[in-house]
């Protein structure tokens, strides 16, 4: 089951011109945000990205950028790892 955390806030970007088609992004992404099509990476659903940064770290062509460890997605992951309530310091309190 895929979760959408927040719509249209993910910092994930893919420069298709830089993509060399290695497919590592599709392999390492825990939420299957990427798929390979015509030997190039494609973003399947950007809103499923949790901004973990695995794709960008493993992209040797530097075709992917994402601000890892920011925002609500990072807070949710920290909560899972530490067993604590997620907190992302949102002033509205609606994000987590």
PDB file of N, CA and C in Angstrom:
ATOM      1  N   UNK A   1       0.842  -1.183   0.000  1.00  0.00           N
ATOM      2  CA  UNK A   1       0.000   0.000   0.000  1.00  0.00           C
ATOM      3  C   UNK A   1       0.886   1.244   0.000  1.00  0.00           C
ATOM      4  N   UNK A   2       0.635   2.138  -0.901  1.00  0.00           N
ATOM      5  CA  UNK A   2       1.405   3.378  -0.975  1.00  0.00           C
ATOM      6  C   UNK A   2       0.661   4.479  -0.245  1.00  0.00           C
ATOM      7  N   UNK A   3       1.430   5.307   0.432  1.00  0.00           N
ATOM      8  CA  UNK A   3       0.854   6.423   1.155  1.00  0.00           C
ATOM      9  C   UNK A   3       1.244   7.723   0.484  1.00  0.00           C
ATOM     10  N   UNK A   4       0.323   8.633   0.419  1.00  0.00           N
ATOM     11  CA  UNK A   4       0.622   9.989  -0.001  1.00  0.00           C
ATOM     12  C   UNK A   4       0.596  10.825   1.264  1.00  0.00           C
ATOM     13  N   UNK A   5       1.725  11.413   1.598  1.00  0.00           N
ATOM     14  CA  UNK A   5       1.815  12.151   2.854  1.00  0.00           C
ATOM     15  C   UNK A   5       1.211  13.536   2.712  1.00  0.00           C
ATOM     16  N   UNK A   6       1.714  14.303   1.804  1.00  0.00           N
ATOM     17  CA  UNK A   6       1.202  15.646   1.532  1.00  0.00           C
ATOM     18  C   UNK A   6       1.282  15.871   0.035  1.00  0.00           C
ATOM     19  N   UNK A   7       0.278  16.448  -0.530  1.00  0.00           N
ATOM     20  CA  UNK A   7       0.240  16.687  -1.977  1.00  0.00           C
ATOM     21  C   UNK A   7       1.099  17.892  -2.358  1.00  0.00           C
ATOM     22  N   UNK A   8       1.847  17.735  -3.421  1.00  0.00           N
ATOM     23  CA  UNK A   8       2.583  18.821  -4.071  1.00  0.00           C
ATOM     24  C   UNK A   8       3.568  19.571  -3.186  1.00  0.00           C
ATOM     25  N   UNK A   9       4.239  18.870  -2.279  1.00  0.00           N
ATOM     26  CA  UNK A   9       5.244  19.539  -1.455  1.00  0.00           C
ATOM     27  C   UNK A   9       6.625  18.883  -1.543  1.00  0.00           C
ATOM     28  N   UNK A  10       6.742  17.791  -2.234  1.00  0.00           N
ATOM     29  CA  UNK A  10       7.988  17.037  -2.291  1.00  0.00           C
ATOM     30  C   UNK A  10       9.045  17.806  -3.084  1.00  0.00           C
ATOM     31  N   UNK A  11      10.268  17.748  -2.614  1.00  0.00           N
ATOM     32  CA  UNK A  11      11.367  18.466  -3.248  1.00  0.00           C
ATOM     33  C   UNK A  11      12.051  17.660  -4.350  1.00  0.00           C
ATOM     34  N   UNK A  12      11.557  16.492  -4.665  1.00  0.00           N
ATOM     35  CA  UNK A  12      12.152  15.592  -5.646  1.00  0.00           C
ATOM     36  C   UNK A  12      12.100  16.168  -7.059  1.00  0.00           C
ATOM     37  N   UNK A  13      13.250  16.106  -7.749  1.00  0.00           N
ATOM     38  CA  UNK A  13      13.331  16.530  -9.145  1.00  0.00           C
ATOM     39  C   UNK A  13      14.201  15.556  -9.921  1.00  0.00           C
ATOM     40  N   UNK A  14      13.815  15.300 -11.156  1.00  0.00           N
ATOM     41  CA  UNK A  14      14.560  14.415 -12.054  1.00  0.00           C
ATOM     42  C   UNK A  14      14.867  15.168 -13.335  1.00  0.00           C
ATOM     43  N   UNK A  15      16.149  15.239 -13.682  1.00  0.00           N
ATOM     44  CA  UNK A  15      16.580  15.842 -14.944  1.00  0.00           C
ATOM     45  C   UNK A  15      16.744  14.703 -15.946  1.00  0.00           C
ATOM     46  N   UNK A  16      15.742  14.498 -16.775  1.00  0.00           N
ATOM     47  CA  UNK A  16      15.742  13.368 -17.715  1.00  0.00           C
ATOM     48  C   UNK A  16      16.892  13.445 -18.711  1.00  0.00           C
ATOM     49  N   UNK A  17      17.367  14.632 -19.010  1.00  0.00           N
ATOM     50  CA  UNK A  17      18.485  14.777 -19.947  1.00  0.00           C
ATOM     51  C   UNK A  17      19.779  14.222 -19.367  1.00  0.00           C
ATOM     52  N   UNK A  18      19.941  14.284 -18.051  1.00  0.00           N
ATOM     53  CA  UNK A  18      21.136  13.758 -17.400  1.00  0.00           C
ATOM     54  C   UNK A  18      21.057  12.258 -17.137  1.00  0.00           C
ATOM     55  N   UNK A  19      19.849  11.713 -17.104  1.00  0.00           N
ATOM     56  CA  UNK A  19      19.650  10.304 -16.778  1.00  0.00           C
ATOM     57  C   UNK A  19      20.360   9.410 -17.787  1.00  0.00           C
ATOM     58  N   UNK A  20      21.152   8.451 -17.280  1.00  0.00           N
ATOM     59  CA  UNK A  20      21.864   7.503 -18.138  1.00  0.00           C
ATOM     60  C   UNK A  20      21.183   6.139 -18.179  1.00  0.00           C
ATOM     61  N   UNK A  21      20.074   6.002 -17.467  1.00  0.00           N
ATOM     62  CA  UNK A  21      19.295   4.774 -17.527  1.00  0.00           C
ATOM     63  C   UNK A  21      19.817   3.608 -16.722  1.00  0.00           C
ATOM     64  N   UNK A  22      20.582   3.874 -15.679  1.00  0.00           N
ATOM     65  CA  UNK A  22      21.137   2.769 -14.877  1.00  0.00           C
ATOM     66  C   UNK A  22      20.066   2.057 -14.052  1.00  0.00           C
ATOM     67  N   UNK A  23      19.003   2.762 -13.693  1.00  0.00           N
ATOM     68  CA  UNK A  23      17.895   2.155 -12.960  1.00  0.00           C
ATOM     69  C   UNK A  23      18.072   2.064 -11.459  1.00  0.00           C
ATOM     70  N   UNK A  24      19.169   2.589 -10.929  1.00  0.00           N
ATOM     71  CA  UNK A  24      19.398   2.497  -9.482  1.00  0.00           C
ATOM     72  C   UNK A  24      18.309   3.200  -8.673  1.00  0.00           C
ATOM     73  N   UNK A  25      17.775   4.293  -9.187  1.00  0.00           N
ATOM     74  CA  UNK A  25      16.722   5.002  -8.460  1.00  0.00           C
ATOM     75  C   UNK A  25      15.517   4.091  -8.245  1.00  0.00           C
ATOM     76  N   UNK A  26      15.153   3.335  -9.271  1.00  0.00           N
ATOM     77  CA  UNK A  26      14.012   2.420  -9.168  1.00  0.00           C
ATOM     78  C   UNK A  26      14.306   1.276  -8.206  1.00  0.00           C
ATOM     79  N   UNK A  27      15.560   0.874  -8.133  1.00  0.00           N
ATOM     80  CA  UNK A  27      15.951  -0.222  -7.244  1.00  0.00           C
ATOM     81  C   UNK A  27      15.926   0.209  -5.781  1.00  0.00           C
ATOM     82  N   UNK A  28      16.454   1.392  -5.479  1.00  0.00           N
ATOM     83  CA  UNK A  28      16.635   1.799  -4.082  1.00  0.00           C
ATOM     84  C   UNK A  28      15.445   2.522  -3.471  1.00  0.00           C
ATOM     85  N   UNK A  29      14.520   2.998  -4.278  1.00  0.00           N
ATOM     86  CA  UNK A  29      13.388   3.771  -3.743  1.00  0.00           C
ATOM     87  C   UNK A  29      12.442   2.857  -2.968  1.00  0.00           C
ATOM     88  N   UNK A  30      12.238   3.133  -1.669  1.00  0.00           N
ATOM     89  CA  UNK A  30      11.375   2.266  -0.866  1.00  0.00           C
ATOM     90  C   UNK A  30       9.885   2.382  -1.201  1.00  0.00           C
ATOM     91  N   UNK A  31       9.499   3.424  -1.909  1.00  0.00           N
ATOM     92  CA  UNK A  31       8.083   3.602  -2.247  1.00  0.00           C
ATOM     93  C   UNK A  31       7.805   3.523  -3.744  1.00  0.00           C
ATOM     94  N   UNK A  32       8.776   3.000  -4.479  1.00  0.00           N
ATOM     95  CA  UNK A  32       8.623   2.780  -5.924  1.00  0.00           C
ATOM     96  C   UNK A  32       8.141   4.035  -6.663  1.00  0.00           C
ATOM     97  N   UNK A  33       8.790   5.131  -6.357  1.00  0.00           N
ATOM     98  CA  UNK A  33       8.455   6.401  -7.001  1.00  0.00           C
ATOM     99  C   UNK A  33       8.935   6.412  -8.450  1.00  0.00           C
ATOM    100  N   UNK A  34       9.979   5.632  -8.742  1.00  0.00           N
ATOM    101  CA  UNK A  34      10.573   5.618 -10.079  1.00  0.00           C
ATOM    102  C   UNK A  34      10.252   4.335 -10.827  1.00  0.00           C
ATOM    103  N   UNK A  35      10.196   4.469 -12.142  1.00  0.00           N
ATOM    104  CA  UNK A  35      10.082   3.321 -13.042  1.00  0.00           C
ATOM    105  C   UNK A  35      10.963   3.620 -14.248  1.00  0.00           C
ATOM    106  N   UNK A  36      11.376   2.571 -14.926  1.00  0.00           N
ATOM    107  CA  UNK A  36      12.191   2.737 -16.120  1.00  0.00           C
ATOM    108  C   UNK A  36      11.297   2.632 -17.352  1.00  0.00           C
ATOM    109  N   UNK A  37      11.483   3.579 -18.258  1.00  0.00           N
ATOM    110  CA  UNK A  37      10.722   3.596 -19.502  1.00  0.00           C
ATOM    111  C   UNK A  37      11.638   4.086 -20.614  1.00  0.00           C
ATOM    112  N   UNK A  38      11.762   3.303 -21.666  1.00  0.00           N
ATOM    113  CA  UNK A  38      12.646   3.653 -22.785  1.00  0.00           C
ATOM    114  C   UNK A  38      14.058   3.973 -22.311  1.00  0.00           C
ATOM    115  N   UNK A  39      14.548   3.156 -21.397  1.00  0.00           N
ATOM    116  CA  UNK A  39      15.917   3.278 -20.863  1.00  0.00           C
ATOM    117  C   UNK A  39      16.185   4.583 -20.129  1.00  0.00           C
ATOM    118  N   UNK A  40      15.151   5.164 -19.588  1.00  0.00           N
ATOM    119  CA  UNK A  40      15.272   6.389 -18.783  1.00  0.00           C
ATOM    120  C   UNK A  40      14.380   6.261 -17.564  1.00  0.00           C
ATOM    121  N   UNK A  41      14.784   6.890 -16.482  1.00  0.00           N
ATOM    122  CA  UNK A  41      13.960   6.904 -15.271  1.00  0.00           C
ATOM    123  C   UNK A  41      12.779   7.842 -15.467  1.00  0.00           C
ATOM    124  N   UNK A  42      11.683   7.472 -14.891  1.00  0.00           N
ATOM    125  CA  UNK A  42      10.474   8.295 -14.903  1.00  0.00           C
ATOM    126  C   UNK A  42       9.960   8.366 -13.475  1.00  0.00           C
ATOM    127  N   UNK A  43       9.405   9.485 -13.085  1.00  0.00           N
ATOM    128  CA  UNK A  43       8.751   9.587 -11.778  1.00  0.00           C
ATOM    129  C   UNK A  43       7.317   9.116 -11.961  1.00  0.00           C
ATOM    130  N   UNK A  44       6.950   8.061 -11.231  1.00  0.00           N
ATOM    131  CA  UNK A  44       5.617   7.480 -11.338  1.00  0.00           C
ATOM    132  C   UNK A  44       4.603   8.321 -10.572  1.00  0.00           C
ATOM    133  N   UNK A  45       4.907   8.616  -9.325  1.00  0.00           N
ATOM    134  CA  UNK A  45       4.033   9.456  -8.498  1.00  0.00           C
ATOM    135  C   UNK A  45       4.877  10.194  -7.474  1.00  0.00           C
ATOM    136  N   UNK A  46       5.140  11.436  -7.763  1.00  0.00           N
ATOM    137  CA  UNK A  46       6.008  12.266  -6.926  1.00  0.00           C
ATOM    138  C   UNK A  46       5.508  12.367  -5.479  1.00  0.00           C
ATOM    139  N   UNK A  47       4.195  12.345  -5.286  1.00  0.00           N
ATOM    140  CA  UNK A  47       3.635  12.498  -3.943  1.00  0.00           C
ATOM    141  C   UNK A  47       3.861  11.291  -3.046  1.00  0.00           C
ATOM    142  N   UNK A  48       4.367  10.196  -3.591  1.00  0.00           N
ATOM    143  CA  UNK A  48       4.695   9.030  -2.765  1.00  0.00           C
ATOM    144  C   UNK A  48       6.116   9.099  -2.216  1.00  0.00           C
ATOM    145  N   UNK A  49       6.877  10.075  -2.667  1.00  0.00           N
ATOM    146  CA  UNK A  49       8.256  10.254  -2.213  1.00  0.00           C
ATOM    147  C   UNK A  49       8.276  10.660  -0.743  1.00  0.00           C
ATOM    148  N   UNK A  50       9.158  10.008   0.024  1.00  0.00           N
ATOM    149  CA  UNK A  50       9.304  10.352   1.446  1.00  0.00           C
ATOM    150  C   UNK A  50      10.591  11.141   1.699  1.00  0.00           C
ATOM    151  N   UNK A  51      11.220  11.579   0.647  1.00  0.00           N
ATOM    152  CA  UNK A  51      12.418  12.416   0.720  1.00  0.00           C
ATOM    153  C   UNK A  51      13.537  11.790   1.542  1.00  0.00           C
ATOM    154  N   UNK A  52      13.710  10.485   1.394  1.00  0.00           N
ATOM    155  CA  UNK A  52      14.777   9.805   2.133  1.00  0.00           C
ATOM    156  C   UNK A  52      16.149  10.085   1.524  1.00  0.00           C
ATOM    157  N   UNK A  53      16.189  10.381   0.224  1.00  0.00           N
ATOM    158  CA  UNK A  53      17.436  10.722  -0.440  1.00  0.00           C
ATOM    159  C   UNK A  53      18.176   9.550  -1.063  1.00  0.00           C
ATOM    160  N   UNK A  54      17.663   8.337  -0.919  1.00  0.00           N
ATOM    161  CA  UNK A  54      18.355   7.161  -1.460  1.00  0.00           C
ATOM    162  C   UNK A  54      18.557   7.264  -2.967  1.00  0.00           C
ATOM    163  N   UNK A  55      17.569   7.783  -3.674  1.00  0.00           N
ATOM    164  CA  UNK A  55      17.670   7.903  -5.134  1.00  0.00           C
ATOM    165  C   UNK A  55      18.797   8.846  -5.532  1.00  0.00           C
ATOM    166  N   UNK A  56      18.860   9.996  -4.917  1.00  0.00           N
ATOM    167  CA  UNK A  56      19.874  10.994  -5.263  1.00  0.00           C
ATOM    168  C   UNK A  56      21.280  10.512  -4.902  1.00  0.00           C
ATOM    169  N   UNK A  57      21.408   9.861  -3.760  1.00  0.00           N
ATOM    170  CA  UNK A  57      22.714   9.350  -3.335  1.00  0.00           C
ATOM    171  C   UNK A  57      23.233   8.303  -4.313  1.00  0.00           C
ATOM    172  N   UNK A  58      22.326   7.482  -4.846  1.00  0.00           N
ATOM    173  CA  UNK A  58      22.716   6.393  -5.736  1.00  0.00           C
ATOM    174  C   UNK A  58      22.713   6.760  -7.210  1.00  0.00           C
ATOM    175  N   UNK A  59      22.406   7.992  -7.549  1.00  0.00           N
ATOM    176  CA  UNK A  59      22.381   8.429  -8.946  1.00  0.00           C
ATOM    177  C   UNK A  59      23.764   8.963  -9.322  1.00  0.00           C
ATOM    178  N   UNK A  60      24.537   8.134 -10.006  1.00  0.00           N
ATOM    179  CA  UNK A  60      25.894   8.539 -10.385  1.00  0.00           C
ATOM    180  C   UNK A  60      25.897   9.660 -11.413  1.00  0.00           C
ATOM    181  N   UNK A  61      24.816   9.793 -12.173  1.00  0.00           N
ATOM    182  CA  UNK A  61      24.722  10.844 -13.187  1.00  0.00           C
ATOM    183  C   UNK A  61      24.264  12.175 -12.597  1.00  0.00           C
ATOM    184  N   UNK A  62      23.939  12.183 -11.319  1.00  0.00           N
ATOM    185  CA  UNK A  62      23.452  13.404 -10.642  1.00  0.00           C
ATOM    186  C   UNK A  62      22.207  13.966 -11.332  1.00  0.00           C
ATOM    187  N   UNK A  63      21.342  13.067 -11.798  1.00  0.00           N
ATOM    188  CA  UNK A  63      20.114  13.476 -12.482  1.00  0.00           C
ATOM    189  C   UNK A  63      18.967  13.713 -11.509  1.00  0.00           C
ATOM    190  N   UNK A  64      19.160  13.317 -10.263  1.00  0.00           N
ATOM    191  CA  UNK A  64      18.093  13.423  -9.264  1.00  0.00           C
ATOM    192  C   UNK A  64      18.527  14.351  -8.140  1.00  0.00           C
ATOM    193  N   UNK A  65      17.613  15.210  -7.749  1.00  0.00           N
ATOM    194  CA  UNK A  65      17.853  16.044  -6.567  1.00  0.00           C
ATOM    195  C   UNK A  65      16.639  15.951  -5.653  1.00  0.00           C
ATOM    196  N   UNK A  66      16.905  15.964  -4.368  1.00  0.00           N
ATOM    197  CA  UNK A  66      15.847  15.941  -3.360  1.00  0.00           C
ATOM    198  C   UNK A  66      16.453  16.470  -2.064  1.00  0.00           C
ATOM    199  N   UNK A  67      15.712  17.246  -1.351  1.00  0.00           N
ATOM    200  CA  UNK A  67      16.182  17.755  -0.070  1.00  0.00           C
ATOM    201  C   UNK A  67      15.836  16.731   1.000  1.00  0.00           C
ATOM    202  N   UNK A  68      16.769  15.826   1.228  1.00  0.00           N
ATOM    203  CA  UNK A  68      16.560  14.772   2.212  1.00  0.00           C
ATOM    204  C   UNK A  68      16.592  15.338   3.624  1.00  0.00           C
ATOM    205  N   UNK A  69      15.888  14.670   4.508  1.00  0.00           N
ATOM    206  CA  UNK A  69      15.854  15.018   5.935  1.00  0.00           C
ATOM    207  C   UNK A  69      15.184  16.348   6.217  1.00  0.00           C
ATOM    208  N   UNK A  70      14.220  16.721   5.383  1.00  0.00           N
ATOM    209  CA  UNK A  70      13.460  17.942   5.628  1.00  0.00           C
ATOM    210  C   UNK A  70      11.980  17.605   5.667  1.00  0.00           C
ATOM    211  N   UNK A  71      11.224  18.424   6.311  1.00  0.00           N
ATOM    212  CA  UNK A  71       9.774  18.332   6.239  1.00  0.00           C
ATOM    213  C   UNK A  71       9.151  17.156   6.947  1.00  0.00           C
ATOM    214  N   UNK A  72       7.904  16.953   6.613  1.00  0.00           N
ATOM    215  CA  UNK A  72       7.076  15.968   7.299  1.00  0.00           C
ATOM    216  C   UNK A  72       7.484  14.535   7.013  1.00  0.00           C
ATOM    217  N   UNK A  73       7.919  14.254   5.793  1.00  0.00           N
ATOM    218  CA  UNK A  73       8.320  12.883   5.477  1.00  0.00           C
ATOM    219  C   UNK A  73       9.474  12.453   6.369  1.00  0.00           C
ATOM    220  N   UNK A  74      10.423  13.328   6.535  1.00  0.00           N
ATOM    221  CA  UNK A  74      11.554  13.018   7.405  1.00  0.00           C
ATOM    222  C   UNK A  74      11.103  12.832   8.850  1.00  0.00           C
ATOM    223  N   UNK A  75      10.172  13.646   9.285  1.00  0.00           N
ATOM    224  CA  UNK A  75       9.656  13.526  10.653  1.00  0.00           C
ATOM    225  C   UNK A  75       8.965  12.182  10.863  1.00  0.00           C
ATOM    226  N   UNK A  76       8.234  11.739   9.878  1.00  0.00           N
ATOM    227  CA  UNK A  76       7.557  10.452   9.978  1.00  0.00           C
ATOM    228  C   UNK A  76       8.576   9.321  10.076  1.00  0.00           C
ATOM    229  N   UNK A  77       9.611   9.374   9.250  1.00  0.00           N
ATOM    230  CA  UNK A  77      10.650   8.338   9.293  1.00  0.00           C
ATOM    231  C   UNK A  77      11.360   8.338  10.640  1.00  0.00           C
ATOM    232  N   UNK A  78      11.725   9.529  11.151  1.00  0.00           N
ATOM    233  CA  UNK A  78      12.367   9.600  12.466  1.00  0.00           C
ATOM    234  C   UNK A  78      11.458   9.017  13.546  1.00  0.00           C
ATOM    235  N   UNK A  79      10.158   9.270  13.445  1.00  0.00           N
ATOM    236  CA  UNK A  79       9.207   8.712  14.395  1.00  0.00           C
ATOM    237  C   UNK A  79       9.187   7.202  14.351  1.00  0.00           C
ATOM    238  N   UNK A  80       9.202   6.644  13.139  1.00  0.00           N
ATOM    239  CA  UNK A  80       9.234   5.182  12.999  1.00  0.00           C
ATOM    240  C   UNK A  80      10.503   4.601  13.611  1.00  0.00           C
ATOM    241  N   UNK A  81      11.641   5.241  13.320  1.00  0.00           N
ATOM    242  CA  UNK A  81      12.921   4.720  13.779  1.00  0.00           C
ATOM    243  C   UNK A  81      13.113   4.833  15.289  1.00  0.00           C
ATOM    244  N   UNK A  82      12.571   5.886  15.862  1.00  0.00           N
ATOM    245  CA  UNK A  82      12.777   6.112  17.293  1.00  0.00           C
ATOM    246  C   UNK A  82      11.595   5.671  18.142  1.00  0.00           C
ATOM    247  N   UNK A  83      10.470   5.348  17.497  1.00  0.00           N
ATOM    248  CA  UNK A  83       9.272   4.955  18.247  1.00  0.00           C
ATOM    249  C   UNK A  83       8.584   6.134  18.905  1.00  0.00           C
ATOM    250  N   UNK A  84       8.872   7.329  18.417  1.00  0.00           N
ATOM    251  CA  UNK A  84       8.279   8.533  19.001  1.00  0.00           C
ATOM    252  C   UNK A  84       7.247   9.129  18.049  1.00  0.00           C
ATOM    253  N   UNK A  85       6.536  10.118  18.528  1.00  0.00           N
ATOM    254  CA  UNK A  85       5.565  10.820  17.692  1.00  0.00           C
ATOM    255  C   UNK A  85       6.298  11.683  16.678  1.00  0.00           C
ATOM    256  N   UNK A  86       5.866  11.659  15.413  1.00  0.00           N
ATOM    257  CA  UNK A  86       6.514  12.510  14.415  1.00  0.00           C
ATOM    258  C   UNK A  86       6.297  13.981  14.728  1.00  0.00           C
ATOM    259  N   UNK A  87       7.351  14.753  14.572  1.00  0.00           N
ATOM    260  CA  UNK A  87       7.232  16.192  14.710  1.00  0.00           C
ATOM    261  C   UNK A  87       8.111  16.853  13.660  1.00  0.00           C
ATOM    262  N   UNK A  88       7.513  17.734  12.903  1.00  0.00           N
ATOM    263  CA  UNK A  88       8.277  18.411  11.847  1.00  0.00           C
ATOM    264  C   UNK A  88       8.284  19.919  12.051  1.00  0.00           C
ATOM    265  N   UNK A  89       7.875  20.347  13.215  1.00  0.00           N
ATOM    266  CA  UNK A  89       7.886  21.757  13.568  1.00  0.00           C
ATOM    267  C   UNK A  89       6.993  22.618  12.685  1.00  0.00           C
ATOM    268  N   UNK A  90       5.928  22.034  12.158  1.00  0.00           N
ATOM    269  CA  UNK A  90       4.965  22.829  11.380  1.00  0.00           C
ATOM    270  C   UNK A  90       4.151  23.708  12.330  1.00  0.00           C
ATOM    271  N   UNK A  91       3.999  24.915  11.952  1.00  0.00           N
ATOM    272  CA  UNK A  91       3.257  25.835  12.833  1.00  0.00           C
ATOM    273  C   UNK A  91       1.771  25.524  12.860  1.00  0.00           C
ATOM    274  N   UNK A  92       1.232  24.938  11.774  1.00  0.00           N
ATOM    275  CA  UNK A  92      -0.199  24.653  11.730  1.00  0.00           C
ATOM    276  C   UNK A  92      -0.547  23.388  12.500  1.00  0.00           C
ATOM    277  N   UNK A  93       0.405  22.479  12.657  1.00  0.00           N
ATOM    278  CA  UNK A  93       0.144  21.234  13.365  1.00  0.00           C
ATOM    279  C   UNK A  93      -0.667  20.240  12.553  1.00  0.00           C
ATOM    280  N   UNK A  94      -0.903  20.528  11.268  1.00  0.00           N
ATOM    281  CA  UNK A  94      -1.732  19.659  10.449  1.00  0.00           C
ATOM    282  C   UNK A  94      -0.928  18.642   9.647  1.00  0.00           C
ATOM    283  N   UNK A  95       0.364  18.753   9.619  1.00  0.00           N
ATOM    284  CA  UNK A  95       1.123  17.931   8.689  1.00  0.00           C
ATOM    285  C   UNK A  95       1.376  16.517   9.174  1.00  0.00           C
ATOM    286  N   UNK A  96       1.497  16.308  10.421  1.00  0.00           N
ATOM    287  CA  UNK A  96       1.870  14.974  10.883  1.00  0.00           C
ATOM    288  C   UNK A  96       0.789  14.324  11.720  1.00  0.00           C
TER     289      UNK A  96
END
